[in-house]
């Protein structure tokens, strides 16, 4: 009887340890709606603006952004949209040297992700933002992608340009 109880306890402990290990796989404890840190760098004078972008997924399709310029004391707020491009599945036939069908090959590629948006400052500056997002596919195999990091560029209504970096 004791050996059965010991086996059950060991089995339950192994399940608990396996569950913890699976949870640690991503190294991220982020929820949809959380803000990811980043920075915007002015190419005019090197000013570093603090920047945050809302963690989102391709299913949500949009998020918010904020920034602050410590030199001009201008605060920015804005939105961005996520667009998935490319990706898909392709199947081809493999033929041997006599022209007979030897098999098929299927390749799959994930889409690329981009974001477009704007940041509007409380002192009149508006920055048009283009982002290259780094997609990570959902473990649920539901075709949903999450965006933990990215980079991009911006141009404001005074023709000043910016580099943008964010994420974990």
C-alpha atoms as a PDB file:
ATOM      1  CA  UNK A   1       0.000   0.000   0.000  1.00  0.00           C
ATOM      2  CA  UNK A   2       2.799   2.404   0.916  1.00  0.00           C
ATOM      3  CA  UNK A   3       4.533   1.804  -2.423  1.00  0.00           C
ATOM      4  CA  UNK A   4       1.359   2.760  -4.319  1.00  0.00           C
ATOM      5  CA  UNK A   5       1.023   5.986  -2.347  1.00  0.00           C
ATOM      6  CA  UNK A   6       4.714   6.745  -2.890  1.00  0.00           C
ATOM      7  CA  UNK A   7       4.323   6.171  -6.622  1.00  0.00           C
ATOM      8  CA  UNK A   8       1.288   8.441  -6.751  1.00  0.00           C
ATOM      9  CA  UNK A   9       3.148  11.187  -4.863  1.00  0.00           C
ATOM     10  CA  UNK A  10       6.164  10.876  -7.178  1.00  0.00           C
ATOM     11  CA  UNK A  11       3.860  10.967 -10.229  1.00  0.00           C
ATOM     12  CA  UNK A  12       2.100  14.115  -8.968  1.00  0.00           C
ATOM     13  CA  UNK A  13       5.444  15.780  -8.254  1.00  0.00           C
ATOM     14  CA  UNK A  14       6.644  14.986 -11.791  1.00  0.00           C
ATOM     15  CA  UNK A  15       3.478  16.530 -13.240  1.00  0.00           C
ATOM     16  CA  UNK A  16       3.990  19.656 -11.115  1.00  0.00           C
ATOM     17  CA  UNK A  17       7.644  19.968 -12.179  1.00  0.00           C
ATOM     18  CA  UNK A  18       6.756  19.451 -15.856  1.00  0.00           C
ATOM     19  CA  UNK A  19       4.087  22.151 -15.579  1.00  0.00           C
ATOM     20  CA  UNK A  20       6.578  24.608 -14.088  1.00  0.00           C
ATOM     21  CA  UNK A  21       9.158  23.845 -16.766  1.00  0.00           C
ATOM     22  CA  UNK A  22       6.623  24.407 -19.538  1.00  0.00           C
ATOM     23  CA  UNK A  23       5.598  27.740 -17.997  1.00  0.00           C
ATOM     24  CA  UNK A  24       9.205  28.943 -17.881  1.00  0.00           C
ATOM     25  CA  UNK A  25       9.815  28.227 -21.570  1.00  0.00           C
ATOM     26  CA  UNK A  26       8.985  31.703 -22.872  1.00  0.00           C
ATOM     27  CA  UNK A  27      10.751  33.687 -20.178  1.00  0.00           C
ATOM     28  CA  UNK A  28       7.992  36.293 -20.538  1.00  0.00           C
ATOM     29  CA  UNK A  29       5.164  37.128 -18.165  1.00  0.00           C
ATOM     30  CA  UNK A  30       3.335  39.610 -20.369  1.00  0.00           C
ATOM     31  CA  UNK A  31      -0.389  39.983 -20.920  1.00  0.00           C
ATOM     32  CA  UNK A  32      -2.268  41.525 -23.850  1.00  0.00           C
ATOM     33  CA  UNK A  33      -2.530  45.241 -23.113  1.00  0.00           C
ATOM     34  CA  UNK A  34       0.756  45.540 -21.159  1.00  0.00           C
ATOM     35  CA  UNK A  35       3.133  48.239 -22.351  1.00  0.00           C
ATOM     36  CA  UNK A  36       6.527  47.200 -23.750  1.00  0.00           C
ATOM     37  CA  UNK A  37       9.475  49.557 -23.161  1.00  0.00           C
ATOM     38  CA  UNK A  38      11.468  51.159 -25.932  1.00  0.00           C
ATOM     39  CA  UNK A  39      13.029  54.346 -27.187  1.00  0.00           C
ATOM     40  CA  UNK A  40      12.849  56.730 -30.095  1.00  0.00           C
ATOM     41  CA  UNK A  41      16.061  58.393 -31.223  1.00  0.00           C
ATOM     42  CA  UNK A  42      15.947  61.683 -33.101  1.00  0.00           C
ATOM     43  CA  UNK A  43      18.238  61.587 -36.129  1.00  0.00           C
ATOM     44  CA  UNK A  44      18.388  65.399 -36.050  1.00  0.00           C
ATOM     45  CA  UNK A  45      20.135  65.794 -32.694  1.00  0.00           C
ATOM     46  CA  UNK A  46      20.299  62.345 -31.030  1.00  0.00           C
ATOM     47  CA  UNK A  47      17.636  63.117 -28.419  1.00  0.00           C
ATOM     48  CA  UNK A  48      16.344  59.908 -26.840  1.00  0.00           C
ATOM     49  CA  UNK A  49      12.601  59.836 -26.270  1.00  0.00           C
ATOM     50  CA  UNK A  50      11.164  57.291 -23.865  1.00  0.00           C
ATOM     51  CA  UNK A  51       8.680  55.106 -25.706  1.00  0.00           C
ATOM     52  CA  UNK A  52       6.109  52.481 -24.829  1.00  0.00           C
ATOM     53  CA  UNK A  53       4.015  50.344 -27.140  1.00  0.00           C
ATOM     54  CA  UNK A  54       1.099  48.168 -26.164  1.00  0.00           C
ATOM     55  CA  UNK A  55       1.662  44.400 -26.337  1.00  0.00           C
ATOM     56  CA  UNK A  56      -0.836  42.989 -28.800  1.00  0.00           C
ATOM     57  CA  UNK A  57      -1.493  40.117 -31.176  1.00  0.00           C
ATOM     58  CA  UNK A  58      -2.505  39.772 -34.787  1.00  0.00           C
ATOM     59  CA  UNK A  59      -5.989  38.830 -33.546  1.00  0.00           C
ATOM     60  CA  UNK A  60      -6.318  42.205 -31.758  1.00  0.00           C
ATOM     61  CA  UNK A  61      -4.894  44.066 -34.733  1.00  0.00           C
ATOM     62  CA  UNK A  62      -4.162  47.358 -32.976  1.00  0.00           C
ATOM     63  CA  UNK A  63      -2.569  48.968 -29.960  1.00  0.00           C
ATOM     64  CA  UNK A  64      -1.566  52.260 -28.366  1.00  0.00           C
ATOM     65  CA  UNK A  65       1.808  54.008 -28.100  1.00  0.00           C
ATOM     66  CA  UNK A  66       3.207  56.760 -25.883  1.00  0.00           C
ATOM     67  CA  UNK A  67       6.445  58.735 -25.931  1.00  0.00           C
ATOM     68  CA  UNK A  68       8.062  61.613 -24.068  1.00  0.00           C
ATOM     69  CA  UNK A  69      10.736  64.035 -25.294  1.00  0.00           C
ATOM     70  CA  UNK A  70      12.846  65.115 -22.270  1.00  0.00           C
ATOM     71  CA  UNK A  71      14.328  68.095 -24.132  1.00  0.00           C
ATOM     72  CA  UNK A  72      11.122  69.731 -25.417  1.00  0.00           C
ATOM     73  CA  UNK A  73       8.971  68.260 -22.576  1.00  0.00           C
ATOM     74  CA  UNK A  74       6.473  67.141 -25.232  1.00  0.00           C
ATOM     75  CA  UNK A  75       4.238  64.151 -24.435  1.00  0.00           C
ATOM     76  CA  UNK A  76       3.008  61.929 -27.267  1.00  0.00           C
ATOM     77  CA  UNK A  77       0.089  59.543 -27.570  1.00  0.00           C
ATOM     78  CA  UNK A  78      -1.018  57.512 -30.542  1.00  0.00           C
ATOM     79  CA  UNK A  79      -2.174  54.277 -32.064  1.00  0.00           C
ATOM     80  CA  UNK A  80      -0.847  51.651 -34.428  1.00  0.00           C
ATOM     81  CA  UNK A  81      -2.335  48.834 -36.506  1.00  0.00           C
ATOM     82  CA  UNK A  82      -0.824  45.412 -37.179  1.00  0.00           C
ATOM     83  CA  UNK A  83      -0.667  44.033 -40.712  1.00  0.00           C
ATOM     84  CA  UNK A  84       0.443  40.505 -41.617  1.00  0.00           C
ATOM     85  CA  UNK A  85       1.922  40.058 -45.089  1.00  0.00           C
ATOM     86  CA  UNK A  86       3.153  37.014 -46.942  1.00  0.00           C
ATOM     87  CA  UNK A  87       3.405  33.580 -45.445  1.00  0.00           C
ATOM     88  CA  UNK A  88       1.570  30.460 -46.505  1.00  0.00           C
ATOM     89  CA  UNK A  89       2.024  26.902 -47.663  1.00  0.00           C
ATOM     90  CA  UNK A  90       3.391  25.570 -50.929  1.00  0.00           C
ATOM     91  CA  UNK A  91       3.525  21.975 -52.195  1.00  0.00           C
ATOM     92  CA  UNK A  92       5.771  20.693 -54.971  1.00  0.00           C
ATOM     93  CA  UNK A  93       6.412  17.382 -56.712  1.00  0.00           C
ATOM     94  CA  UNK A  94       9.830  15.705 -56.589  1.00  0.00           C
ATOM     95  CA  UNK A  95      10.732  13.659 -59.695  1.00  0.00           C
ATOM     96  CA  UNK A  96      13.489  11.136 -60.150  1.00  0.00           C
ATOM     97  CA  UNK A  97      15.940  11.059 -63.105  1.00  0.00           C
ATOM     98  CA  UNK A  98      13.395   9.177 -65.278  1.00  0.00           C
ATOM     99  CA  UNK A  99      10.663  11.742 -64.634  1.00  0.00           C
ATOM    100  CA  UNK A 100       8.636   9.585 -62.267  1.00  0.00           C
ATOM    101  CA  UNK A 101       7.062  11.169 -59.235  1.00  0.00           C
ATOM    102  CA  UNK A 102       9.250  10.289 -56.257  1.00  0.00           C
ATOM    103  CA  UNK A 103       7.352  12.271 -53.635  1.00  0.00           C
ATOM    104  CA  UNK A 104       6.072  15.667 -52.617  1.00  0.00           C
ATOM    105  CA  UNK A 105       7.553  18.456 -50.575  1.00  0.00           C
ATOM    106  CA  UNK A 106       5.508  20.927 -48.562  1.00  0.00           C
ATOM    107  CA  UNK A 107       7.012  24.139 -47.216  1.00  0.00           C
ATOM    108  CA  UNK A 108       5.377  26.576 -44.848  1.00  0.00           C
ATOM    109  CA  UNK A 109       6.467  30.106 -44.010  1.00  0.00           C
ATOM    110  CA  UNK A 110       5.108  32.409 -41.342  1.00  0.00           C
ATOM    111  CA  UNK A 111       3.962  35.863 -42.370  1.00  0.00           C
ATOM    112  CA  UNK A 112       5.952  39.005 -41.789  1.00  0.00           C
ATOM    113  CA  UNK A 113       4.389  41.609 -39.531  1.00  0.00           C
ATOM    114  CA  UNK A 114       4.334  45.366 -39.881  1.00  0.00           C
ATOM    115  CA  UNK A 115       2.765  48.164 -37.908  1.00  0.00           C
ATOM    116  CA  UNK A 116       1.662  51.607 -39.059  1.00  0.00           C
ATOM    117  CA  UNK A 117       0.579  54.398 -36.784  1.00  0.00           C
ATOM    118  CA  UNK A 118       1.124  57.869 -35.444  1.00  0.00           C
ATOM    119  CA  UNK A 119       2.190  59.696 -32.308  1.00  0.00           C
ATOM    120  CA  UNK A 120       0.585  63.099 -31.661  1.00  0.00           C
ATOM    121  CA  UNK A 121       2.391  65.451 -29.293  1.00  0.00           C
ATOM    122  CA  UNK A 122       0.793  67.966 -26.943  1.00  0.00           C
ATOM    123  CA  UNK A 123       2.919  70.726 -28.555  1.00  0.00           C
ATOM    124  CA  UNK A 124       1.857  70.060 -32.149  1.00  0.00           C
ATOM    125  CA  UNK A 125       4.402  67.503 -33.343  1.00  0.00           C
ATOM    126  CA  UNK A 126       2.944  64.507 -35.186  1.00  0.00           C
ATOM    127  CA  UNK A 127       5.193  61.522 -35.940  1.00  0.00           C
ATOM    128  CA  UNK A 128       4.196  59.082 -38.701  1.00  0.00           C
ATOM    129  CA  UNK A 129       5.432  55.648 -37.530  1.00  0.00           C
ATOM    130  CA  UNK A 130       6.322  52.512 -39.553  1.00  0.00           C
ATOM    131  CA  UNK A 131       7.279  49.407 -37.569  1.00  0.00           C
ATOM    132  CA  UNK A 132       8.782  46.025 -38.426  1.00  0.00           C
ATOM    133  CA  UNK A 133       7.377  43.691 -35.773  1.00  0.00           C
ATOM    134  CA  UNK A 134       9.011  40.439 -34.738  1.00  0.00           C
ATOM    135  CA  UNK A 135       6.201  37.864 -34.778  1.00  0.00           C
ATOM    136  CA  UNK A 136       6.127  34.876 -32.438  1.00  0.00           C
ATOM    137  CA  UNK A 137       3.534  32.234 -33.271  1.00  0.00           C
ATOM    138  CA  UNK A 138       0.981  31.278 -30.625  1.00  0.00           C
ATOM    139  CA  UNK A 139       1.475  27.845 -29.054  1.00  0.00           C
ATOM    140  CA  UNK A 140      -2.243  27.182 -29.624  1.00  0.00           C
ATOM    141  CA  UNK A 141      -1.692  26.696 -33.394  1.00  0.00           C
ATOM    142  CA  UNK A 142      -4.554  29.118 -34.014  1.00  0.00           C
ATOM    143  CA  UNK A 143      -2.717  31.282 -36.534  1.00  0.00           C
ATOM    144  CA  UNK A 144      -2.319  34.112 -33.994  1.00  0.00           C
ATOM    145  CA  UNK A 145       1.029  35.905 -33.732  1.00  0.00           C
ATOM    146  CA  UNK A 146       2.317  37.963 -30.794  1.00  0.00           C
ATOM    147  CA  UNK A 147       4.781  40.842 -30.981  1.00  0.00           C
ATOM    148  CA  UNK A 148       7.362  41.122 -28.194  1.00  0.00           C
ATOM    149  CA  UNK A 149       9.822  43.347 -30.047  1.00  0.00           C
ATOM    150  CA  UNK A 150      10.428  45.389 -33.142  1.00  0.00           C
ATOM    151  CA  UNK A 151      12.057  48.381 -34.719  1.00  0.00           C
ATOM    152  CA  UNK A 152      11.042  51.054 -37.116  1.00  0.00           C
ATOM    153  CA  UNK A 153      11.267  54.597 -38.338  1.00  0.00           C
ATOM    154  CA  UNK A 154       9.288  57.766 -38.006  1.00  0.00           C
ATOM    155  CA  UNK A 155       9.045  61.140 -39.709  1.00  0.00           C
ATOM    156  CA  UNK A 156       7.360  64.109 -38.099  1.00  0.00           C
ATOM    157  CA  UNK A 157       5.425  67.021 -39.587  1.00  0.00           C
ATOM    158  CA  UNK A 158       8.645  69.103 -39.525  1.00  0.00           C
ATOM    159  CA  UNK A 159      10.534  66.524 -41.669  1.00  0.00           C
ATOM    160  CA  UNK A 160      12.632  65.321 -38.714  1.00  0.00           C
ATOM    161  CA  UNK A 161      13.353  61.576 -38.794  1.00  0.00           C
ATOM    162  CA  UNK A 162      13.524  59.022 -35.986  1.00  0.00           C
ATOM    163  CA  UNK A 163      14.671  55.458 -35.282  1.00  0.00           C
ATOM    164  CA  UNK A 164      12.388  53.374 -33.050  1.00  0.00           C
ATOM    165  CA  UNK A 165      13.285  50.300 -30.980  1.00  0.00           C
ATOM    166  CA  UNK A 166      11.145  48.375 -28.477  1.00  0.00           C
ATOM    167  CA  UNK A 167      10.581  45.086 -26.747  1.00  0.00           C
ATOM    168  CA  UNK A 168      12.074  42.351 -24.656  1.00  0.00           C
END
